[in-house]
Amino acid sequence: MPPRESKFGQPKPLHPYAWLWEPLEPDPSFVLRAMFGTKAVYLDGKLLFCFSAKTAPWRGILLCTSREYQPSLLAEFPALAQHPILAKWLYLPETADPFERVGERLVTLAKLRDPRIGVVPPSRRRSHP
């Protein structure tokens, strides 16, 4: 039986959208978590983005925002749309022509703490038996 190849020392593959969240990494409150097959980005405890590299409609950036801010963001960024399944958030599909430009601008706004970007996640409650 041939020896098993070890994964030790091999580089981990980079997420295709890692370049977008990298400008946020130096922030002391930056947190990157796996969430439902996406990479979720938090600043100051607020969930800002989910970067998803699955198939459409889960390939692109989910912008976490309150419904009250959606009209303003949709007007400023016509490439955004309500996500077809998760309508409480906005979606920038990777196939959008201005994907890179809009993605970078959204990350810049998040870095500047634009109040339209981000939601406070609900607290996790433990169920008692």
N, C-alpha and C. Protein backbone atom coordinates (compact mmCIF):
# COMPACT_ATOMS: atom_id res chain seq x y z
N MET A 1 0.85 -1.17 0.00
CA MET A 1 0.00 0.00 0.00
C MET A 1 0.90 1.24 0.00
N PRO A 2 0.69 2.16 -0.96
CA PRO A 2 1.55 3.35 -1.02
C PRO A 2 1.27 4.28 0.16
N PRO A 3 2.27 5.02 0.58
CA PRO A 3 2.06 5.95 1.70
C PRO A 3 1.09 7.06 1.30
N ARG A 4 0.33 7.51 2.28
CA ARG A 4 -0.61 8.61 2.05
C ARG A 4 0.15 9.92 1.95
N GLU A 5 -0.30 10.73 1.06
CA GLU A 5 0.34 12.03 0.93
C GLU A 5 -0.13 12.93 2.07
N SER A 6 0.80 13.62 2.61
CA SER A 6 0.49 14.52 3.72
C SER A 6 0.11 15.90 3.19
N LYS A 7 -0.86 16.52 3.82
CA LYS A 7 -1.24 17.89 3.46
C LYS A 7 -0.41 18.89 4.25
N PHE A 8 0.39 18.39 5.18
CA PHE A 8 1.19 19.27 6.02
C PHE A 8 2.14 20.11 5.16
N GLY A 9 2.13 21.38 5.38
CA GLY A 9 3.04 22.26 4.69
C GLY A 9 2.54 22.75 3.34
N GLN A 10 1.43 22.20 2.87
CA GLN A 10 0.90 22.68 1.61
C GLN A 10 0.06 23.93 1.85
N PRO A 11 0.17 24.90 0.97
CA PRO A 11 -0.60 26.13 1.17
C PRO A 11 -2.09 25.88 1.01
N LYS A 12 -2.85 26.56 1.83
CA LYS A 12 -4.30 26.48 1.77
C LYS A 12 -4.78 27.34 0.60
N PRO A 13 -5.74 26.86 -0.19
CA PRO A 13 -6.20 27.68 -1.32
C PRO A 13 -6.87 28.95 -0.84
N LEU A 14 -6.59 30.03 -1.53
CA LEU A 14 -7.20 31.31 -1.18
C LEU A 14 -8.62 31.40 -1.70
N HIS A 15 -9.45 32.06 -0.94
CA HIS A 15 -10.82 32.33 -1.39
C HIS A 15 -10.72 33.31 -2.56
N PRO A 16 -11.53 33.14 -3.61
CA PRO A 16 -11.39 34.01 -4.78
C PRO A 16 -11.70 35.48 -4.50
N TYR A 17 -12.37 35.77 -3.39
CA TYR A 17 -12.69 37.17 -3.06
C TYR A 17 -11.88 37.69 -1.88
N ALA A 18 -10.86 36.96 -1.46
CA ALA A 18 -10.06 37.39 -0.32
C ALA A 18 -9.48 38.79 -0.53
N TRP A 19 -9.12 39.13 -1.75
CA TRP A 19 -8.55 40.44 -2.06
C TRP A 19 -9.51 41.58 -1.69
N LEU A 20 -10.80 41.28 -1.67
CA LEU A 20 -11.77 42.32 -1.33
C LEU A 20 -11.79 42.62 0.17
N TRP A 21 -11.71 41.59 1.00
CA TRP A 21 -11.76 41.86 2.44
C TRP A 21 -10.40 42.18 3.05
N GLU A 22 -9.32 41.96 2.31
CA GLU A 22 -7.98 42.23 2.85
C GLU A 22 -7.79 43.65 3.38
N PRO A 23 -8.35 44.70 2.76
CA PRO A 23 -8.17 46.04 3.33
C PRO A 23 -8.80 46.20 4.72
N LEU A 24 -9.70 45.32 5.10
CA LEU A 24 -10.34 45.40 6.41
C LEU A 24 -9.57 44.65 7.49
N GLU A 25 -8.68 43.74 7.08
CA GLU A 25 -7.98 42.89 8.04
C GLU A 25 -7.18 43.63 9.10
N PRO A 26 -6.53 44.77 8.79
CA PRO A 26 -5.76 45.45 9.85
C PRO A 26 -6.63 46.04 10.97
N ASP A 27 -7.92 46.21 10.74
CA ASP A 27 -8.80 46.76 11.77
C ASP A 27 -8.82 45.81 12.97
N PRO A 28 -8.60 46.32 14.18
CA PRO A 28 -8.57 45.44 15.36
C PRO A 28 -9.88 44.68 15.60
N SER A 29 -11.00 45.20 15.08
CA SER A 29 -12.28 44.52 15.30
C SER A 29 -12.63 43.55 14.17
N PHE A 30 -11.75 43.40 13.19
CA PHE A 30 -12.01 42.52 12.04
C PHE A 30 -12.13 41.07 12.48
N VAL A 31 -13.18 40.41 12.00
CA VAL A 31 -13.36 38.98 12.22
C VAL A 31 -13.82 38.37 10.90
N LEU A 32 -13.23 37.23 10.55
CA LEU A 32 -13.61 36.47 9.36
C LEU A 32 -14.06 35.10 9.84
N ARG A 33 -15.29 34.73 9.50
CA ARG A 33 -15.84 33.45 9.93
C ARG A 33 -16.45 32.72 8.74
N ALA A 34 -16.47 31.42 8.83
CA ALA A 34 -17.21 30.62 7.85
C ALA A 34 -18.67 30.63 8.27
N MET A 35 -19.56 30.85 7.28
CA MET A 35 -20.99 30.86 7.58
C MET A 35 -21.74 30.33 6.36
N PHE A 36 -22.35 29.18 6.50
CA PHE A 36 -23.15 28.57 5.44
C PHE A 36 -22.39 28.50 4.11
N GLY A 37 -21.14 28.13 4.18
CA GLY A 37 -20.34 27.98 2.97
C GLY A 37 -19.82 29.29 2.40
N THR A 38 -19.98 30.38 3.15
CA THR A 38 -19.45 31.67 2.73
C THR A 38 -18.37 32.10 3.71
N LYS A 39 -17.72 33.19 3.39
CA LYS A 39 -16.81 33.84 4.34
C LYS A 39 -17.52 35.11 4.80
N ALA A 40 -17.84 35.16 6.06
CA ALA A 40 -18.56 36.29 6.64
C ALA A 40 -17.57 37.24 7.28
N VAL A 41 -17.73 38.54 6.99
CA VAL A 41 -16.83 39.57 7.49
C VAL A 41 -17.57 40.44 8.50
N TYR A 42 -16.92 40.64 9.65
CA TYR A 42 -17.47 41.45 10.72
C TYR A 42 -16.50 42.57 11.06
N LEU A 43 -17.03 43.73 11.39
CA LEU A 43 -16.28 44.82 12.01
C LEU A 43 -17.12 45.35 13.15
N ASP A 44 -16.49 45.63 14.26
CA ASP A 44 -17.18 46.17 15.44
C ASP A 44 -18.37 45.30 15.83
N GLY A 45 -18.28 44.01 15.60
CA GLY A 45 -19.36 43.09 15.95
C GLY A 45 -20.51 43.06 14.97
N LYS A 46 -20.47 43.89 13.93
CA LYS A 46 -21.53 43.91 12.91
C LYS A 46 -21.15 43.01 11.75
N LEU A 47 -22.13 42.26 11.27
CA LEU A 47 -21.93 41.44 10.08
C LEU A 47 -22.08 42.34 8.87
N LEU A 48 -21.02 42.44 8.05
CA LEU A 48 -21.00 43.36 6.92
C LEU A 48 -21.27 42.67 5.58
N PHE A 49 -20.53 41.61 5.33
CA PHE A 49 -20.57 40.95 4.04
C PHE A 49 -20.49 39.44 4.21
N CYS A 50 -21.04 38.74 3.22
CA CYS A 50 -20.79 37.32 3.04
C CYS A 50 -20.26 37.18 1.62
N PHE A 51 -19.07 36.65 1.51
CA PHE A 51 -18.44 36.44 0.21
C PHE A 51 -18.65 34.96 -0.15
N SER A 52 -19.36 34.73 -1.24
CA SER A 52 -19.73 33.36 -1.62
C SER A 52 -19.19 33.02 -3.00
N ALA A 53 -18.52 31.88 -3.08
CA ALA A 53 -17.94 31.42 -4.34
C ALA A 53 -18.66 30.17 -4.85
N LYS A 54 -19.92 30.03 -4.50
CA LYS A 54 -20.72 28.90 -4.97
C LYS A 54 -21.29 29.24 -6.35
N THR A 55 -22.32 28.53 -6.75
CA THR A 55 -22.96 28.84 -8.02
C THR A 55 -24.07 29.87 -7.80
N ALA A 56 -24.45 30.55 -8.87
CA ALA A 56 -25.50 31.56 -8.79
C ALA A 56 -26.77 30.94 -8.21
N PRO A 57 -27.50 31.61 -7.39
CA PRO A 57 -27.36 33.01 -6.98
C PRO A 57 -26.51 33.19 -5.72
N TRP A 58 -25.60 32.30 -5.51
CA TRP A 58 -24.72 32.39 -4.34
C TRP A 58 -23.27 32.62 -4.76
N ARG A 59 -23.05 33.31 -5.86
CA ARG A 59 -21.68 33.59 -6.30
C ARG A 59 -21.52 35.10 -6.41
N GLY A 60 -20.88 35.67 -5.42
CA GLY A 60 -20.68 37.11 -5.39
C GLY A 60 -20.65 37.59 -3.95
N ILE A 61 -21.12 38.80 -3.76
CA ILE A 61 -21.09 39.43 -2.45
C ILE A 61 -22.51 39.65 -1.96
N LEU A 62 -22.79 39.18 -0.77
CA LEU A 62 -24.04 39.51 -0.10
C LEU A 62 -23.73 40.67 0.83
N LEU A 63 -24.42 41.75 0.64
CA LEU A 63 -24.24 42.96 1.44
C LEU A 63 -25.28 42.95 2.54
N CYS A 64 -24.83 42.85 3.76
CA CYS A 64 -25.73 42.80 4.91
C CYS A 64 -26.14 44.22 5.27
N THR A 65 -27.43 44.48 5.18
CA THR A 65 -27.94 45.82 5.43
C THR A 65 -29.38 45.73 5.89
N SER A 66 -29.85 46.77 6.54
CA SER A 66 -31.26 46.83 6.94
C SER A 66 -32.10 47.25 5.74
N ARG A 67 -33.34 46.84 5.74
CA ARG A 67 -34.23 47.18 4.62
C ARG A 67 -34.37 48.69 4.45
N GLU A 68 -34.27 49.43 5.53
CA GLU A 68 -34.42 50.89 5.43
C GLU A 68 -33.31 51.53 4.58
N TYR A 69 -32.15 50.89 4.50
CA TYR A 69 -31.04 51.44 3.74
C TYR A 69 -30.97 50.92 2.31
N GLN A 70 -31.76 49.93 1.99
CA GLN A 70 -31.68 49.33 0.66
C GLN A 70 -31.96 50.33 -0.47
N PRO A 71 -33.01 51.17 -0.38
CA PRO A 71 -33.23 52.10 -1.50
C PRO A 71 -32.04 53.01 -1.78
N SER A 72 -31.40 53.49 -0.74
CA SER A 72 -30.24 54.37 -0.91
C SER A 72 -29.08 53.63 -1.57
N LEU A 73 -28.81 52.42 -1.13
CA LEU A 73 -27.71 51.64 -1.71
C LEU A 73 -28.01 51.21 -3.14
N LEU A 74 -29.27 50.84 -3.42
CA LEU A 74 -29.65 50.46 -4.78
C LEU A 74 -29.54 51.64 -5.74
N ALA A 75 -29.86 52.85 -5.24
CA ALA A 75 -29.74 54.04 -6.08
C ALA A 75 -28.27 54.36 -6.37
N GLU A 76 -27.43 54.21 -5.37
CA GLU A 76 -26.01 54.52 -5.53
C GLU A 76 -25.27 53.45 -6.33
N PHE A 77 -25.70 52.20 -6.20
CA PHE A 77 -25.02 51.08 -6.85
C PHE A 77 -26.04 50.27 -7.65
N PRO A 78 -26.33 50.66 -8.88
CA PRO A 78 -27.33 49.96 -9.69
C PRO A 78 -27.01 48.48 -9.95
N ALA A 79 -25.77 48.07 -9.78
CA ALA A 79 -25.42 46.66 -9.98
C ALA A 79 -25.93 45.78 -8.84
N LEU A 80 -26.28 46.40 -7.71
CA LEU A 80 -26.83 45.64 -6.59
C LEU A 80 -28.29 45.30 -6.86
N ALA A 81 -28.75 44.23 -6.23
CA ALA A 81 -30.16 43.84 -6.29
C ALA A 81 -30.49 43.12 -5.00
N GLN A 82 -31.78 43.04 -4.69
CA GLN A 82 -32.15 42.21 -3.56
C GLN A 82 -31.78 40.78 -3.92
N HIS A 83 -31.25 40.05 -2.95
CA HIS A 83 -30.90 38.66 -3.22
C HIS A 83 -32.19 37.90 -3.50
N PRO A 84 -32.23 37.04 -4.55
CA PRO A 84 -33.46 36.37 -4.93
C PRO A 84 -33.99 35.38 -3.88
N ILE A 85 -33.15 34.93 -2.97
CA ILE A 85 -33.59 33.99 -1.94
C ILE A 85 -33.55 34.64 -0.57
N LEU A 86 -32.53 35.39 -0.29
CA LEU A 86 -32.34 36.04 1.01
C LEU A 86 -32.57 37.54 0.83
N ALA A 87 -33.83 37.92 0.63
CA ALA A 87 -34.18 39.29 0.23
C ALA A 87 -33.86 40.35 1.28
N LYS A 88 -33.57 39.94 2.49
CA LYS A 88 -33.24 40.96 3.49
C LYS A 88 -31.87 41.58 3.23
N TRP A 89 -31.08 40.96 2.36
CA TRP A 89 -29.76 41.47 2.02
C TRP A 89 -29.68 41.77 0.54
N LEU A 90 -28.71 42.61 0.19
CA LEU A 90 -28.47 42.94 -1.20
C LEU A 90 -27.37 42.03 -1.75
N TYR A 91 -27.34 41.93 -3.06
CA TYR A 91 -26.46 40.97 -3.72
C TYR A 91 -25.77 41.63 -4.90
N LEU A 92 -24.47 41.43 -4.96
CA LEU A 92 -23.67 41.86 -6.10
C LEU A 92 -23.14 40.59 -6.76
N PRO A 93 -23.76 40.16 -7.86
CA PRO A 93 -23.29 38.93 -8.50
C PRO A 93 -21.92 39.12 -9.15
N GLU A 94 -21.14 38.08 -9.14
CA GLU A 94 -19.82 38.13 -9.76
C GLU A 94 -19.92 38.48 -11.24
N THR A 95 -21.03 38.15 -11.87
CA THR A 95 -21.20 38.40 -13.30
C THR A 95 -21.50 39.86 -13.63
N ALA A 96 -21.73 40.70 -12.62
CA ALA A 96 -21.99 42.12 -12.88
C ALA A 96 -20.73 42.76 -13.46
N ASP A 97 -20.90 43.56 -14.50
CA ASP A 97 -19.76 44.22 -15.14
C ASP A 97 -18.89 45.00 -14.14
N PRO A 98 -19.52 45.77 -13.25
CA PRO A 98 -18.68 46.54 -12.33
C PRO A 98 -18.38 45.81 -11.02
N PHE A 99 -18.32 44.46 -11.04
CA PHE A 99 -18.15 43.70 -9.80
C PHE A 99 -16.95 44.18 -8.98
N GLU A 100 -15.79 44.26 -9.59
CA GLU A 100 -14.57 44.63 -8.85
C GLU A 100 -14.68 46.05 -8.30
N ARG A 101 -15.10 46.96 -9.14
CA ARG A 101 -15.18 48.37 -8.74
C ARG A 101 -16.21 48.57 -7.62
N VAL A 102 -17.39 47.99 -7.78
CA VAL A 102 -18.43 48.15 -6.76
C VAL A 102 -18.04 47.42 -5.49
N GLY A 103 -17.46 46.22 -5.62
CA GLY A 103 -17.01 45.49 -4.44
C GLY A 103 -15.99 46.27 -3.64
N GLU A 104 -15.02 46.86 -4.33
CA GLU A 104 -14.00 47.68 -3.64
C GLU A 104 -14.63 48.89 -2.97
N ARG A 105 -15.58 49.53 -3.65
CA ARG A 105 -16.23 50.72 -3.08
C ARG A 105 -17.05 50.35 -1.84
N LEU A 106 -17.75 49.23 -1.87
CA LEU A 106 -18.52 48.80 -0.70
C LEU A 106 -17.60 48.51 0.49
N VAL A 107 -16.47 47.88 0.22
CA VAL A 107 -15.51 47.60 1.30
C VAL A 107 -14.96 48.92 1.85
N THR A 108 -14.69 49.89 0.99
CA THR A 108 -14.22 51.20 1.45
C THR A 108 -15.27 51.86 2.33
N LEU A 109 -16.52 51.80 1.92
CA LEU A 109 -17.59 52.39 2.74
C LEU A 109 -17.69 51.69 4.09
N ALA A 110 -17.54 50.38 4.09
CA ALA A 110 -17.56 49.64 5.36
C ALA A 110 -16.40 50.06 6.25
N LYS A 111 -15.24 50.23 5.65
CA LYS A 111 -14.05 50.66 6.41
C LYS A 111 -14.27 52.04 7.04
N LEU A 112 -15.03 52.89 6.31
CA LEU A 112 -15.35 54.23 6.80
C LEU A 112 -16.54 54.23 7.75
N ARG A 113 -17.06 53.04 8.03
CA ARG A 113 -18.20 52.86 8.95
C ARG A 113 -19.50 53.49 8.44
N ASP A 114 -19.74 53.37 7.14
CA ASP A 114 -21.01 53.83 6.58
C ASP A 114 -22.14 53.10 7.32
N PRO A 115 -23.08 53.85 7.92
CA PRO A 115 -24.12 53.20 8.73
C PRO A 115 -25.07 52.30 7.92
N ARG A 116 -25.06 52.43 6.62
CA ARG A 116 -25.94 51.59 5.78
C ARG A 116 -25.42 50.17 5.64
N ILE A 117 -24.16 49.98 5.97
CA ILE A 117 -23.54 48.67 5.76
C ILE A 117 -23.35 47.97 7.09
N GLY A 118 -23.93 46.79 7.18
CA GLY A 118 -23.77 45.96 8.36
C GLY A 118 -25.04 45.84 9.18
N VAL A 119 -25.16 44.70 9.82
CA VAL A 119 -26.27 44.43 10.73
C VAL A 119 -25.70 43.81 12.00
N VAL A 120 -26.36 44.08 13.09
CA VAL A 120 -25.97 43.45 14.35
C VAL A 120 -26.60 42.06 14.36
N PRO A 121 -25.77 41.02 14.42
CA PRO A 121 -26.35 39.68 14.39
C PRO A 121 -27.14 39.42 15.67
N PRO A 122 -28.20 38.62 15.56
CA PRO A 122 -28.96 38.30 16.77
C PRO A 122 -28.09 37.53 17.75
N SER A 123 -28.33 37.75 19.02
CA SER A 123 -27.52 37.04 20.01
C SER A 123 -27.90 35.57 19.99
N ARG A 124 -26.92 34.78 20.23
CA ARG A 124 -27.15 33.33 20.27
C ARG A 124 -27.69 32.99 21.64
N ARG A 125 -28.82 32.34 21.64
CA ARG A 125 -29.40 31.91 22.92
C ARG A 125 -29.35 30.40 22.98
N ARG A 126 -29.00 29.94 24.13
CA ARG A 126 -28.99 28.50 24.35
C ARG A 126 -30.38 28.06 24.77
N SER A 127 -30.80 26.97 24.21
CA SER A 127 -32.08 26.43 24.66
C SER A 127 -31.83 25.56 25.87
N HIS A 128 -32.69 25.72 26.84
CA HIS A 128 -32.55 24.95 28.07
C HIS A 128 -33.49 23.75 28.02
N PRO A 129 -32.98 22.58 28.41
CA PRO A 129 -33.83 21.38 28.36
C PRO A 129 -34.97 21.42 29.34
